[in-house]
Amino acid sequence: MMSKREMTFAQAINETLRQEMRRDPRVFVIGENVSSDWRETTRGLMKEFGKERVRDTPITETSFTGAGIGAAIAGMRPVVELMLVDFALVAMDQILNQAAKTRYMLGGKVSVPITMRASYGAGTSSGATHSETLYSLFAHMPGLKIAVPSNAYDAKGLLTSCLRDDDPKIFFEHRLLMQTKSIVPEEAYTIPFGKAEKARDGKDLTIVALGLMVSKACEAAEHLSEQGISAEVIDPRTIVPMDKAAILASVKKTTRLLVVDEDYERCGFSADVAAVVADEGFRHLSAPIKRIAVPNVPIPYSAKLEKAVIPDIEKIVETAQNLVKSET
């Protein structure tokens, strides 16, 4: 039986890196300031493993992402830290052309077991180039696996899976989840890709949410329950691959779907989930599919404007209430 204790999301990431670096000498960390103790996710790793395996880099995502891809092709298992996912945009050729496509273009003869860790999300008034949620952008390109944990337990299990998997992955870490706590086993464990979690059981509607939005959806579900509305919350945990079966099974039971997403509305994760259910679960629907996502504007710097564009509990409750009242 696994021993458990409470720890933060950031501590869970740190522990996972430490355990996997001890287990596999091919694992190393590269990125900006990864040796610094003020970075909680990598704190203490330099002291234990040295600068050969914990490598600070200049502020040049293009070069150190490319270096990580090359190391992965050569047989290492690099963890490339992208301080913010917004900064990954300067390394799109490396990520989307080299990491994502190499195994396919070489007929499976070469693996690219790289894990890219990327902080994301709004809520700190950091402006349009430091606050985005871009997992849909990377999920659009074939060849990458995408993990988006919502709590410390899932962060450890999914990151362990990432570090042991032979495909290129991007592991998304919401900045506002870093100090949230969960019960996490001390021992290493894995959570498989493509296996959703039912965060809350319900019968009147299904809410699909990712990352930070899972806790918001669960809190909204608490408010809805006081009004006699039973909301089921599904956390896909990974969007590539995505557990379509879990989402469709929930919609079959509840007959209503609301997707809550911090990514942009246009061509985003919420649109993909809506399309899957419309295509494969339409006969189960008793009301139109609804989405709450970021409108197609850059994330504002103003705290009030930022709050206005990000899904919140009030928006979820109001939309769910209207959805339950509506019929097809």
C-alpha atoms as a PDB file:
ATOM      1  CA  MET A   1       0.000   0.000   0.000  1.00  0.00           C
ATOM      2  CA  MET A   2       1.344   3.405  -1.014  1.00  0.00           C
ATOM      3  CA  SER A   3       2.207   5.910   1.723  1.00  0.00           C
ATOM      4  CA  LYS A   4       0.521   9.263   1.203  1.00  0.00           C
ATOM      5  CA  ARG A   5       0.819  12.845   2.396  1.00  0.00           C
ATOM      6  CA  GLU A   6      -0.370  16.271   1.346  1.00  0.00           C
ATOM      7  CA  MET A   7       1.800  18.343  -0.938  1.00  0.00           C
ATOM      8  CA  THR A   8       1.512  21.208  -3.395  1.00  0.00           C
ATOM      9  CA  PHE A   9       1.337  20.950  -7.164  1.00  0.00           C
ATOM     10  CA  ALA A  10       4.839  22.459  -7.438  1.00  0.00           C
ATOM     11  CA  GLN A  11       6.250  20.043  -4.841  1.00  0.00           C
ATOM     12  CA  ALA A  12       4.729  17.128  -6.736  1.00  0.00           C
ATOM     13  CA  ILE A  13       6.540  18.184  -9.904  1.00  0.00           C
ATOM     14  CA  ASN A  14       9.810  18.585  -8.018  1.00  0.00           C
ATOM     15  CA  GLU A  15       9.476  15.166  -6.401  1.00  0.00           C
ATOM     16  CA  THR A  16       8.678  13.525  -9.730  1.00  0.00           C
ATOM     17  CA  LEU A  17      11.733  15.021 -11.409  1.00  0.00           C
ATOM     18  CA  ARG A  18      13.932  13.965  -8.498  1.00  0.00           C
ATOM     19  CA  GLN A  19      12.610  10.391  -8.431  1.00  0.00           C
ATOM     20  CA  GLU A  20      12.881   9.906 -12.188  1.00  0.00           C
ATOM     21  CA  MET A  21      16.372  11.436 -12.327  1.00  0.00           C
ATOM     22  CA  ARG A  22      17.468   8.980  -9.649  1.00  0.00           C
ATOM     23  CA  ARG A  23      15.827   6.104 -11.509  1.00  0.00           C
ATOM     24  CA  ASP A  24      17.092   6.910 -14.999  1.00  0.00           C
ATOM     25  CA  PRO A  25      20.463   8.644 -15.614  1.00  0.00           C
ATOM     26  CA  ARG A  26      19.271   9.662 -19.087  1.00  0.00           C
ATOM     27  CA  VAL A  27      16.812  12.164 -17.601  1.00  0.00           C
ATOM     28  CA  PHE A  28      18.127  15.732 -17.377  1.00  0.00           C
ATOM     29  CA  VAL A  29      16.573  19.183 -17.016  1.00  0.00           C
ATOM     30  CA  ILE A  30      17.336  22.172 -19.224  1.00  0.00           C
ATOM     31  CA  GLY A  31      15.893  25.678 -19.231  1.00  0.00           C
ATOM     32  CA  GLU A  32      16.111  29.198 -17.866  1.00  0.00           C
ATOM     33  CA  ASN A  33      17.115  29.405 -14.171  1.00  0.00           C
ATOM     34  CA  VAL A  34      16.349  25.741 -13.517  1.00  0.00           C
ATOM     35  CA  SER A  35      19.229  25.639 -11.006  1.00  0.00           C
ATOM     36  CA  SER A  36      17.820  28.486  -8.907  1.00  0.00           C
ATOM     37  CA  ASP A  37      16.267  27.712  -5.541  1.00  0.00           C
ATOM     38  CA  TRP A  38      13.522  30.266  -6.132  1.00  0.00           C
ATOM     39  CA  ARG A  39      12.124  27.917  -8.792  1.00  0.00           C
ATOM     40  CA  GLU A  40      10.155  25.549  -6.574  1.00  0.00           C
ATOM     41  CA  THR A  41       9.597  22.942  -9.279  1.00  0.00           C
ATOM     42  CA  THR A  42      13.353  22.427  -9.784  1.00  0.00           C
ATOM     43  CA  ARG A  43      14.611  23.511  -6.351  1.00  0.00           C
ATOM     44  CA  GLY A  44      17.535  21.432  -5.073  1.00  0.00           C
ATOM     45  CA  LEU A  45      18.004  19.412  -8.263  1.00  0.00           C
ATOM     46  CA  MET A  46      21.311  21.105  -9.134  1.00  0.00           C
ATOM     47  CA  LYS A  47      22.710  20.318  -5.694  1.00  0.00           C
ATOM     48  CA  GLU A  48      21.874  16.626  -6.025  1.00  0.00           C
ATOM     49  CA  PHE A  49      22.532  15.985  -9.705  1.00  0.00           C
ATOM     50  CA  GLY A  50      25.044  18.659 -10.737  1.00  0.00           C
ATOM     51  CA  LYS A  51      25.160  21.059 -13.646  1.00  0.00           C
ATOM     52  CA  GLU A  52      25.563  18.296 -16.237  1.00  0.00           C
ATOM     53  CA  ARG A  53      21.994  17.182 -15.567  1.00  0.00           C
ATOM     54  CA  VAL A  54      20.465  20.503 -14.478  1.00  0.00           C
ATOM     55  CA  ARG A  55      21.490  22.974 -17.163  1.00  0.00           C
ATOM     56  CA  ASP A  56      20.751  26.690 -17.107  1.00  0.00           C
ATOM     57  CA  THR A  57      20.353  28.285 -20.514  1.00  0.00           C
ATOM     58  CA  PRO A  58      20.275  31.758 -22.044  1.00  0.00           C
ATOM     59  CA  ILE A  59      16.859  33.232 -22.794  1.00  0.00           C
ATOM     60  CA  THR A  60      16.609  31.534 -26.175  1.00  0.00           C
ATOM     61  CA  GLU A  61      13.861  28.931 -26.397  1.00  0.00           C
ATOM     62  CA  THR A  62      14.713  28.247 -30.013  1.00  0.00           C
ATOM     63  CA  SER A  63      18.182  26.942 -29.156  1.00  0.00           C
ATOM     64  CA  PHE A  64      17.573  25.022 -25.930  1.00  0.00           C
ATOM     65  CA  THR A  65      14.383  23.401 -27.240  1.00  0.00           C
ATOM     66  CA  GLY A  66      16.313  22.304 -30.305  1.00  0.00           C
ATOM     67  CA  ALA A  67      19.134  21.031 -28.089  1.00  0.00           C
ATOM     68  CA  GLY A  68      16.629  18.994 -26.109  1.00  0.00           C
ATOM     69  CA  ILE A  69      15.156  17.470 -29.258  1.00  0.00           C
ATOM     70  CA  GLY A  70      18.619  16.533 -30.492  1.00  0.00           C
ATOM     71  CA  ALA A  71      19.479  14.967 -27.137  1.00  0.00           C
ATOM     72  CA  ALA A  72      16.238  12.965 -27.212  1.00  0.00           C
ATOM     73  CA  ILE A  73      16.978  11.644 -30.694  1.00  0.00           C
ATOM     74  CA  ALA A  74      20.449  10.686 -29.455  1.00  0.00           C
ATOM     75  CA  GLY A  75      18.949   8.563 -26.652  1.00  0.00           C
ATOM     76  CA  MET A  76      18.594  10.911 -23.693  1.00  0.00           C
ATOM     77  CA  ARG A  77      15.313  11.809 -21.958  1.00  0.00           C
ATOM     78  CA  PRO A  78      15.413  15.598 -21.621  1.00  0.00           C
ATOM     79  CA  VAL A  79      12.982  17.736 -19.663  1.00  0.00           C
ATOM     80  CA  VAL A  80      12.855  21.118 -21.374  1.00  0.00           C
ATOM     81  CA  GLU A  81      11.320  23.815 -19.208  1.00  0.00           C
ATOM     82  CA  LEU A  82       9.541  26.566 -21.097  1.00  0.00           C
ATOM     83  CA  MET A  83       9.072  29.206 -18.411  1.00  0.00           C
ATOM     84  CA  LEU A  84       5.767  30.269 -19.999  1.00  0.00           C
ATOM     85  CA  VAL A  85       3.973  28.560 -22.859  1.00  0.00           C
ATOM     86  CA  ASP A  86       3.794  31.962 -24.594  1.00  0.00           C
ATOM     87  CA  PHE A  87       7.581  31.752 -25.011  1.00  0.00           C
ATOM     88  CA  ALA A  88       7.253  28.454 -26.876  1.00  0.00           C
ATOM     89  CA  LEU A  89       5.990  30.421 -29.858  1.00  0.00           C
ATOM     90  CA  VAL A  90       9.568  31.350 -30.775  1.00  0.00           C
ATOM     91  CA  ALA A  91      10.424  27.624 -30.964  1.00  0.00           C
ATOM     92  CA  MET A  92       7.481  26.475 -33.081  1.00  0.00           C
ATOM     93  CA  ASP A  93       9.646  25.072 -35.865  1.00  0.00           C
ATOM     94  CA  GLN A  94      11.574  22.952 -33.363  1.00  0.00           C
ATOM     95  CA  ILE A  95       8.420  21.764 -31.571  1.00  0.00           C
ATOM     96  CA  LEU A  96       5.975  21.280 -34.425  1.00  0.00           C
ATOM     97  CA  ASN A  97       8.323  20.328 -37.264  1.00  0.00           C
ATOM     98  CA  GLN A  98      11.178  18.528 -35.526  1.00  0.00           C
ATOM     99  CA  ALA A  99       9.873  17.037 -32.260  1.00  0.00           C
ATOM    100  CA  ALA A 100       6.388  16.198 -33.516  1.00  0.00           C
ATOM    101  CA  LYS A 101       7.238  14.809 -36.966  1.00  0.00           C
ATOM    102  CA  THR A 102      10.631  13.124 -36.743  1.00  0.00           C
ATOM    103  CA  ARG A 103       9.427   9.688 -35.647  1.00  0.00           C
ATOM    104  CA  TYR A 104       6.782   9.609 -38.381  1.00  0.00           C
ATOM    105  CA  MET A 105       9.088  10.877 -41.123  1.00  0.00           C
ATOM    106  CA  LEU A 106      11.733   8.281 -40.246  1.00  0.00           C
ATOM    107  CA  GLY A 107       9.275   5.395 -40.208  1.00  0.00           C
ATOM    108  CA  GLY A 108       9.435   4.833 -36.456  1.00  0.00           C
ATOM    109  CA  LYS A 109      13.169   4.119 -36.478  1.00  0.00           C
ATOM    110  CA  VAL A 110      13.869   7.104 -34.213  1.00  0.00           C
ATOM    111  CA  SER A 111      12.081   8.114 -31.016  1.00  0.00           C
ATOM    112  CA  VAL A 112      11.963  11.610 -29.539  1.00  0.00           C
ATOM    113  CA  PRO A 113      11.349  11.053 -25.794  1.00  0.00           C
ATOM    114  CA  ILE A 114      11.363  14.716 -24.843  1.00  0.00           C
ATOM    115  CA  THR A 115       9.111  16.262 -22.176  1.00  0.00           C
ATOM    116  CA  MET A 116       8.454  19.982 -22.460  1.00  0.00           C
ATOM    117  CA  ARG A 117       7.081  21.558 -19.285  1.00  0.00           C
ATOM    118  CA  ALA A 118       5.176  24.796 -19.823  1.00  0.00           C
ATOM    119  CA  SER A 119       3.564  27.143 -17.322  1.00  0.00           C
ATOM    120  CA  TYR A 120       0.371  28.736 -18.597  1.00  0.00           C
ATOM    121  CA  GLY A 121      -2.757  30.633 -17.670  1.00  0.00           C
ATOM    122  CA  ALA A 122      -4.169  34.006 -16.699  1.00  0.00           C
ATOM    123  CA  GLY A 123      -4.995  35.474 -13.325  1.00  0.00           C
ATOM    124  CA  THR A 124      -1.904  37.545 -12.538  1.00  0.00           C
ATOM    125  CA  SER A 125      -2.379  40.565 -14.839  1.00  0.00           C
ATOM    126  CA  SER A 126       0.735  39.640 -16.778  1.00  0.00           C
ATOM    127  CA  GLY A 127      -0.469  40.829 -20.163  1.00  0.00           C
ATOM    128  CA  ALA A 128      -1.219  39.315 -23.533  1.00  0.00           C
ATOM    129  CA  THR A 129       2.167  37.641 -24.098  1.00  0.00           C
ATOM    130  CA  HIS A 130       2.522  36.103 -20.615  1.00  0.00           C
ATOM    131  CA  SER A 131      -0.971  34.819 -19.777  1.00  0.00           C
ATOM    132  CA  GLU A 132      -2.150  32.541 -22.540  1.00  0.00           C
ATOM    133  CA  THR A 133      -3.460  28.995 -22.518  1.00  0.00           C
ATOM    134  CA  LEU A 134      -2.241  27.448 -25.745  1.00  0.00           C
ATOM    135  CA  TYR A 135      -2.622  23.673 -25.463  1.00  0.00           C
ATOM    136  CA  SER A 136      -5.087  23.619 -28.382  1.00  0.00           C
ATOM    137  CA  LEU A 137      -2.454  25.151 -30.628  1.00  0.00           C
ATOM    138  CA  PHE A 138      -0.045  22.281 -29.962  1.00  0.00           C
ATOM    139  CA  ALA A 139      -2.754  19.620 -29.926  1.00  0.00           C
ATOM    140  CA  HIS A 140      -3.653  20.660 -33.470  1.00  0.00           C
ATOM    141  CA  MET A 141      -0.346  19.317 -34.803  1.00  0.00           C
ATOM    142  CA  PRO A 142      -0.079  15.500 -35.051  1.00  0.00           C
ATOM    143  CA  GLY A 143       2.770  13.849 -33.166  1.00  0.00           C
ATOM    144  CA  LEU A 144       2.659  15.507 -29.739  1.00  0.00           C
ATOM    145  CA  LYS A 145       1.036  14.192 -26.567  1.00  0.00           C
ATOM    146  CA  ILE A 146      -0.546  16.864 -24.368  1.00  0.00           C
ATOM    147  CA  ALA A 147      -1.095  16.553 -20.593  1.00  0.00           C
ATOM    148  CA  VAL A 148      -3.012  19.143 -18.550  1.00  0.00           C
ATOM    149  CA  PRO A 149      -3.222  18.088 -14.870  1.00  0.00           C
ATOM    150  CA  SER A 150      -5.676  19.764 -12.504  1.00  0.00           C
ATOM    151  CA  ASN A 151      -4.178  18.780  -9.134  1.00  0.00           C
ATOM    152  CA  ALA A 152      -0.955  17.629  -7.477  1.00  0.00           C
ATOM    153  CA  TYR A 153      -1.859  13.925  -7.556  1.00  0.00           C
ATOM    154  CA  ASP A 154      -2.424  13.996 -11.306  1.00  0.00           C
ATOM    155  CA  ALA A 155       0.643  16.180 -11.836  1.00  0.00           C
ATOM    156  CA  LYS A 156       2.927  13.541 -10.356  1.00  0.00           C
ATOM    157  CA  GLY A 157       1.301  10.598 -12.104  1.00  0.00           C
ATOM    158  CA  LEU A 158       1.087  12.261 -15.500  1.00  0.00           C
ATOM    159  CA  LEU A 159       4.599  13.713 -15.361  1.00  0.00           C
ATOM    160  CA  THR A 160       6.000  10.297 -14.460  1.00  0.00           C
ATOM    161  CA  SER A 161       4.204   8.873 -17.487  1.00  0.00           C
ATOM    162  CA  CYS A 162       5.645  11.662 -19.634  1.00  0.00           C
ATOM    163  CA  LEU A 163       9.207  10.991 -18.518  1.00  0.00           C
ATOM    164  CA  ARG A 164       8.906   7.270 -19.269  1.00  0.00           C
ATOM    165  CA  ASP A 165       7.133   7.616 -22.616  1.00  0.00           C
ATOM    166  CA  ASP A 166       9.007   7.495 -25.928  1.00  0.00           C
ATOM    167  CA  ASP A 167       6.985  10.179 -27.729  1.00  0.00           C
ATOM    168  CA  PRO A 168       7.350  13.979 -27.487  1.00  0.00           C
ATOM    169  CA  LYS A 169       5.068  15.489 -24.831  1.00  0.00           C
ATOM    170  CA  ILE A 170       4.062  18.916 -23.560  1.00  0.00           C
ATOM    171  CA  PHE A 171       3.126  19.006 -19.879  1.00  0.00           C
ATOM    172  CA  PHE A 172       1.017  22.075 -19.018  1.00  0.00           C
ATOM    173  CA  GLU A 173       1.215  23.559 -15.498  1.00  0.00           C
ATOM    174  CA  HIS A 174      -1.247  26.294 -14.567  1.00  0.00           C
ATOM    175  CA  ARG A 175       0.521  29.009 -12.582  1.00  0.00           C
ATOM    176  CA  LEU A 176      -2.439  29.352 -10.167  1.00  0.00           C
ATOM    177  CA  LEU A 177      -2.354  25.645  -9.342  1.00  0.00           C
ATOM    178  CA  MET A 178       1.231  25.666  -8.068  1.00  0.00           C
ATOM    179  CA  GLN A 179       0.359  26.154  -4.380  1.00  0.00           C
ATOM    180  CA  THR A 180      -2.822  24.053  -4.371  1.00  0.00           C
ATOM    181  CA  LYS A 181      -2.567  20.834  -2.372  1.00  0.00           C
ATOM    182  CA  SER A 182      -3.600  17.210  -2.841  1.00  0.00           C
ATOM    183  CA  ILE A 183      -2.907  13.877  -1.192  1.00  0.00           C
ATOM    184  CA  VAL A 184       0.022  12.397  -3.143  1.00  0.00           C
ATOM    185  CA  PRO A 185       1.760   9.015  -2.663  1.00  0.00           C
ATOM    186  CA  GLU A 186       5.460   9.127  -1.849  1.00  0.00           C
ATOM    187  CA  GLU A 187       6.216   6.264  -4.215  1.00  0.00           C
ATOM    188  CA  ALA A 188       6.388   6.741  -7.973  1.00  0.00           C
ATOM    189  CA  TYR A 189       3.228   5.955  -9.919  1.00  0.00           C
ATOM    190  CA  THR A 190       1.891   6.596 -13.395  1.00  0.00           C
ATOM    191  CA  ILE A 191      -1.418   7.837 -14.786  1.00  0.00           C
ATOM    192  CA  PRO A 192      -2.018   6.629 -18.345  1.00  0.00           C
ATOM    193  CA  PHE A 193      -2.552   9.072 -21.174  1.00  0.00           C
ATOM    194  CA  GLY A 194      -6.096   9.146 -22.513  1.00  0.00           C
ATOM    195  CA  LYS A 195      -7.779   8.193 -19.224  1.00  0.00           C
ATOM    196  CA  ALA A 196     -10.211  10.828 -17.945  1.00  0.00           C
ATOM    197  CA  GLU A 197     -11.176  11.307 -14.314  1.00  0.00           C
ATOM    198  CA  LYS A 198     -14.715  11.885 -13.067  1.00  0.00           C
ATOM    199  CA  ALA A 199     -14.110  14.749 -10.671  1.00  0.00           C
ATOM    200  CA  ARG A 200     -17.743  14.838  -9.569  1.00  0.00           C
ATOM    201  CA  ASP A 201     -20.744  12.584 -10.179  1.00  0.00           C
ATOM    202  CA  GLY A 202     -24.008  14.016 -11.476  1.00  0.00           C
ATOM    203  CA  LYS A 203     -27.089  13.314 -13.562  1.00  0.00           C
ATOM    204  CA  ASP A 204     -28.480  16.561 -15.025  1.00  0.00           C
ATOM    205  CA  LEU A 205     -25.578  17.844 -17.135  1.00  0.00           C
ATOM    206  CA  THR A 206     -21.949  17.121 -17.954  1.00  0.00           C
ATOM    207  CA  ILE A 207     -19.267  19.760 -17.475  1.00  0.00           C
ATOM    208  CA  VAL A 208     -15.949  19.007 -19.201  1.00  0.00           C
ATOM    209  CA  ALA A 209     -13.043  21.085 -17.901  1.00  0.00           C
ATOM    210  CA  LEU A 210      -9.236  21.099 -17.836  1.00  0.00           C
ATOM    211  CA  GLY A 211      -6.525  22.319 -15.468  1.00  0.00           C
ATOM    212  CA  LEU A 212      -7.595  25.164 -13.192  1.00  0.00           C
ATOM    213  CA  MET A 213     -11.091  25.071 -14.687  1.00  0.00           C
ATOM    214  CA  VAL A 214     -11.748  21.687 -13.042  1.00  0.00           C
ATOM    215  CA  SER A 215     -11.812  23.182  -9.548  1.00  0.00           C
ATOM    216  CA  LYS A 216     -13.961  26.053 -10.806  1.00  0.00           C
ATOM    217  CA  ALA A 217     -16.371  23.588 -12.395  1.00  0.00           C
ATOM    218  CA  CYS A 218     -16.556  21.547  -9.181  1.00  0.00           C
ATOM    219  CA  GLU A 219     -17.221  24.657  -7.107  1.00  0.00           C
ATOM    220  CA  ALA A 220     -19.893  25.738  -9.572  1.00  0.00           C
ATOM    221  CA  ALA A 221     -21.409  22.264  -9.284  1.00  0.00           C
ATOM    222  CA  GLU A 222     -21.660  22.770  -5.520  1.00  0.00           C
ATOM    223  CA  HIS A 223     -23.662  25.954  -6.055  1.00  0.00           C
ATOM    224  CA  LEU A 224     -25.839  24.206  -8.641  1.00  0.00           C
ATOM    225  CA  SER A 225     -26.588  21.373  -6.238  1.00  0.00           C
ATOM    226  CA  GLU A 226     -28.126  23.911  -3.848  1.00  0.00           C
ATOM    227  CA  GLN A 227     -30.579  24.693  -6.640  1.00  0.00           C
ATOM    228  CA  GLY A 228     -31.398  21.057  -7.265  1.00  0.00           C
ATOM    229  CA  ILE A 229     -29.159  20.718 -10.337  1.00  0.00           C
ATOM    230  CA  SER A 230     -26.784  17.748 -10.360  1.00  0.00           C
ATOM    231  CA  ALA A 231     -23.689  18.440 -12.478  1.00  0.00           C
ATOM    232  CA  GLU A 232     -21.128  15.802 -13.423  1.00  0.00           C
ATOM    233  CA  VAL A 233     -17.559  17.088 -13.944  1.00  0.00           C
ATOM    234  CA  ILE A 234     -15.221  15.246 -16.308  1.00  0.00           C
ATOM    235  CA  ASP A 235     -11.505  16.050 -16.288  1.00  0.00           C
ATOM    236  CA  PRO A 236      -9.887  14.610 -19.452  1.00  0.00           C
ATOM    237  CA  ARG A 237      -6.398  15.090 -17.903  1.00  0.00           C
ATOM    238  CA  THR A 238      -4.804  14.635 -21.343  1.00  0.00           C
ATOM    239  CA  ILE A 239      -6.160  16.100 -24.557  1.00  0.00           C
ATOM    240  CA  VAL A 240      -3.857  14.110 -26.850  1.00  0.00           C
ATOM    241  CA  PRO A 241      -4.921  11.402 -26.562  1.00  0.00           C
ATOM    242  CA  MET A 242      -8.388  12.388 -25.335  1.00  0.00           C
ATOM    243  CA  ASP A 243     -10.747  10.011 -23.549  1.00  0.00           C
ATOM    244  CA  LYS A 244     -13.724  10.426 -25.862  1.00  0.00           C
ATOM    245  CA  ALA A 245     -15.425   7.370 -24.394  1.00  0.00           C
ATOM    246  CA  ALA A 246     -15.627   8.906 -20.910  1.00  0.00           C
ATOM    247  CA  ILE A 247     -17.080  12.150 -22.237  1.00  0.00           C
ATOM    248  CA  LEU A 248     -19.623  10.380 -24.430  1.00  0.00           C
ATOM    249  CA  ALA A 249     -20.652   8.042 -21.612  1.00  0.00           C
ATOM    250  CA  SER A 250     -21.270  11.007 -19.325  1.00  0.00           C
ATOM    251  CA  VAL A 251     -23.289  12.871 -21.953  1.00  0.00           C
ATOM    252  CA  LYS A 252     -25.340   9.738 -22.595  1.00  0.00           C
ATOM    253  CA  LYS A 253     -26.264   9.749 -18.901  1.00  0.00           C
ATOM    254  CA  THR A 254     -26.903  13.471 -18.420  1.00  0.00           C
ATOM    255  CA  THR A 255     -28.042  14.434 -21.987  1.00  0.00           C
ATOM    256  CA  ARG A 256     -26.472  17.910 -21.678  1.00  0.00           C
ATOM    257  CA  LEU A 257     -22.928  19.203 -22.230  1.00  0.00           C
ATOM    258  CA  LEU A 258     -21.103  22.317 -21.086  1.00  0.00           C
ATOM    259  CA  VAL A 259     -17.396  22.692 -21.909  1.00  0.00           C
ATOM    260  CA  VAL A 260     -15.362  25.107 -19.775  1.00  0.00           C
ATOM    261  CA  ASP A 261     -11.977  26.055 -21.196  1.00  0.00           C
ATOM    262  CA  GLU A 262      -9.351  28.731 -20.522  1.00  0.00           C
ATOM    263  CA  ASP A 263      -8.010  28.433 -24.059  1.00  0.00           C
ATOM    264  CA  TYR A 264      -9.369  30.574 -26.877  1.00  0.00           C
ATOM    265  CA  GLU A 265     -12.856  29.792 -28.146  1.00  0.00           C
ATOM    266  CA  ARG A 266     -11.983  29.715 -31.851  1.00  0.00           C
ATOM    267  CA  CYS A 267     -10.596  26.316 -32.912  1.00  0.00           C
ATOM    268  CA  GLY A 268      -9.910  25.467 -29.263  1.00  0.00           C
ATOM    269  CA  PHE A 269     -10.285  22.435 -27.010  1.00  0.00           C
ATOM    270  CA  SER A 270     -13.896  23.352 -26.261  1.00  0.00           C
ATOM    271  CA  ALA A 271     -14.713  23.299 -29.967  1.00  0.00           C
ATOM    272  CA  ASP A 272     -13.081  19.880 -30.337  1.00  0.00           C
ATOM    273  CA  VAL A 273     -15.086  18.364 -27.473  1.00  0.00           C
ATOM    274  CA  ALA A 274     -18.287  19.894 -28.823  1.00  0.00           C
ATOM    275  CA  ALA A 275     -17.551  18.471 -32.274  1.00  0.00           C
ATOM    276  CA  VAL A 276     -16.896  14.979 -30.888  1.00  0.00           C
ATOM    277  CA  VAL A 277     -20.176  14.937 -28.971  1.00  0.00           C
ATOM    278  CA  ALA A 278     -22.138  16.453 -31.870  1.00  0.00           C
ATOM    279  CA  ASP A 279     -20.704  13.817 -34.205  1.00  0.00           C
ATOM    280  CA  GLU A 280     -20.787  10.715 -31.988  1.00  0.00           C
ATOM    281  CA  GLY A 281     -23.290  11.516 -29.248  1.00  0.00           C
ATOM    282  CA  PHE A 282     -25.880  13.775 -30.869  1.00  0.00           C
ATOM    283  CA  ARG A 283     -28.721  11.300 -30.330  1.00  0.00           C
ATOM    284  CA  HIS A 284     -28.189  11.539 -26.572  1.00  0.00           C
ATOM    285  CA  LEU A 285     -28.508  15.335 -26.376  1.00  0.00           C
ATOM    286  CA  SER A 286     -31.657  16.959 -25.008  1.00  0.00           C
ATOM    287  CA  ALA A 287     -30.297  20.514 -25.308  1.00  0.00           C
ATOM    288  CA  PRO A 288     -27.726  22.419 -27.399  1.00  0.00           C
ATOM    289  CA  ILE A 289     -24.048  22.076 -26.474  1.00  0.00           C
ATOM    290  CA  LYS A 290     -22.714  25.134 -24.655  1.00  0.00           C
ATOM    291  CA  ARG A 291     -19.136  26.415 -24.334  1.00  0.00           C
ATOM    292  CA  ILE A 292     -17.476  28.900 -22.000  1.00  0.00           C
ATOM    293  CA  ALA A 293     -14.029  29.851 -23.296  1.00  0.00           C
ATOM    294  CA  VAL A 294     -11.848  32.902 -23.805  1.00  0.00           C
ATOM    295  CA  PRO A 295     -13.252  35.152 -26.562  1.00  0.00           C
ATOM    296  CA  ASN A 296     -11.025  35.776 -29.536  1.00  0.00           C
ATOM    297  CA  VAL A 297      -9.121  38.711 -28.052  1.00  0.00           C
ATOM    298  CA  PRO A 298      -5.627  38.852 -26.501  1.00  0.00           C
ATOM    299  CA  ILE A 299      -5.587  38.365 -22.740  1.00  0.00           C
ATOM    300  CA  PRO A 300      -5.938  41.886 -21.259  1.00  0.00           C
ATOM    301  CA  TYR A 301      -3.431  43.390 -18.832  1.00  0.00           C
ATOM    302  CA  SER A 302      -6.170  45.100 -16.794  1.00  0.00           C
ATOM    303  CA  ALA A 303      -7.256  42.880 -13.898  1.00  0.00           C
ATOM    304  CA  LYS A 304     -10.915  43.735 -14.455  1.00  0.00           C
ATOM    305  CA  LEU A 305     -10.764  43.064 -18.176  1.00  0.00           C
ATOM    306  CA  GLU A 306      -8.757  39.881 -17.619  1.00  0.00           C
ATOM    307  CA  LYS A 307     -11.432  38.614 -15.230  1.00  0.00           C
ATOM    308  CA  ALA A 308     -14.093  39.465 -17.784  1.00  0.00           C
ATOM    309  CA  VAL A 309     -12.659  37.157 -20.450  1.00  0.00           C
ATOM    310  CA  ILE A 310     -11.670  34.174 -18.266  1.00  0.00           C
ATOM    311  CA  PRO A 311     -14.305  31.536 -17.366  1.00  0.00           C
ATOM    312  CA  ASP A 312     -15.347  31.779 -13.722  1.00  0.00           C
ATOM    313  CA  ILE A 313     -17.760  30.154 -11.305  1.00  0.00           C
ATOM    314  CA  GLU A 314     -20.542  32.681 -11.906  1.00  0.00           C
ATOM    315  CA  LYS A 315     -20.437  32.155 -15.684  1.00  0.00           C
ATOM    316  CA  ILE A 316     -20.477  28.391 -15.245  1.00  0.00           C
ATOM    317  CA  VAL A 317     -23.456  28.468 -12.875  1.00  0.00           C
ATOM    318  CA  GLU A 318     -25.477  30.818 -15.079  1.00  0.00           C
ATOM    319  CA  THR A 319     -24.782  28.868 -18.265  1.00  0.00           C
ATOM    320  CA  ALA A 320     -25.567  25.551 -16.580  1.00  0.00           C
ATOM    321  CA  GLN A 321     -28.847  26.885 -15.220  1.00  0.00           C
ATOM    322  CA  ASN A 322     -29.932  28.026 -18.691  1.00  0.00           C
ATOM    323  CA  LEU A 323     -28.788  24.753 -20.214  1.00  0.00           C
ATOM    324  CA  VAL A 324     -30.856  22.642 -17.848  1.00  0.00           C
ATOM    325  CA  LYS A 325     -33.906  24.785 -18.582  1.00  0.00           C
ATOM    326  CA  SER A 326     -33.486  24.516 -22.354  1.00  0.00           C
ATOM    327  CA  GLU A 327     -34.569  21.709 -24.656  1.00  0.00           C
ATOM    328  CA  THR A 328     -33.603  20.776 -28.213  1.00  0.00           C
END
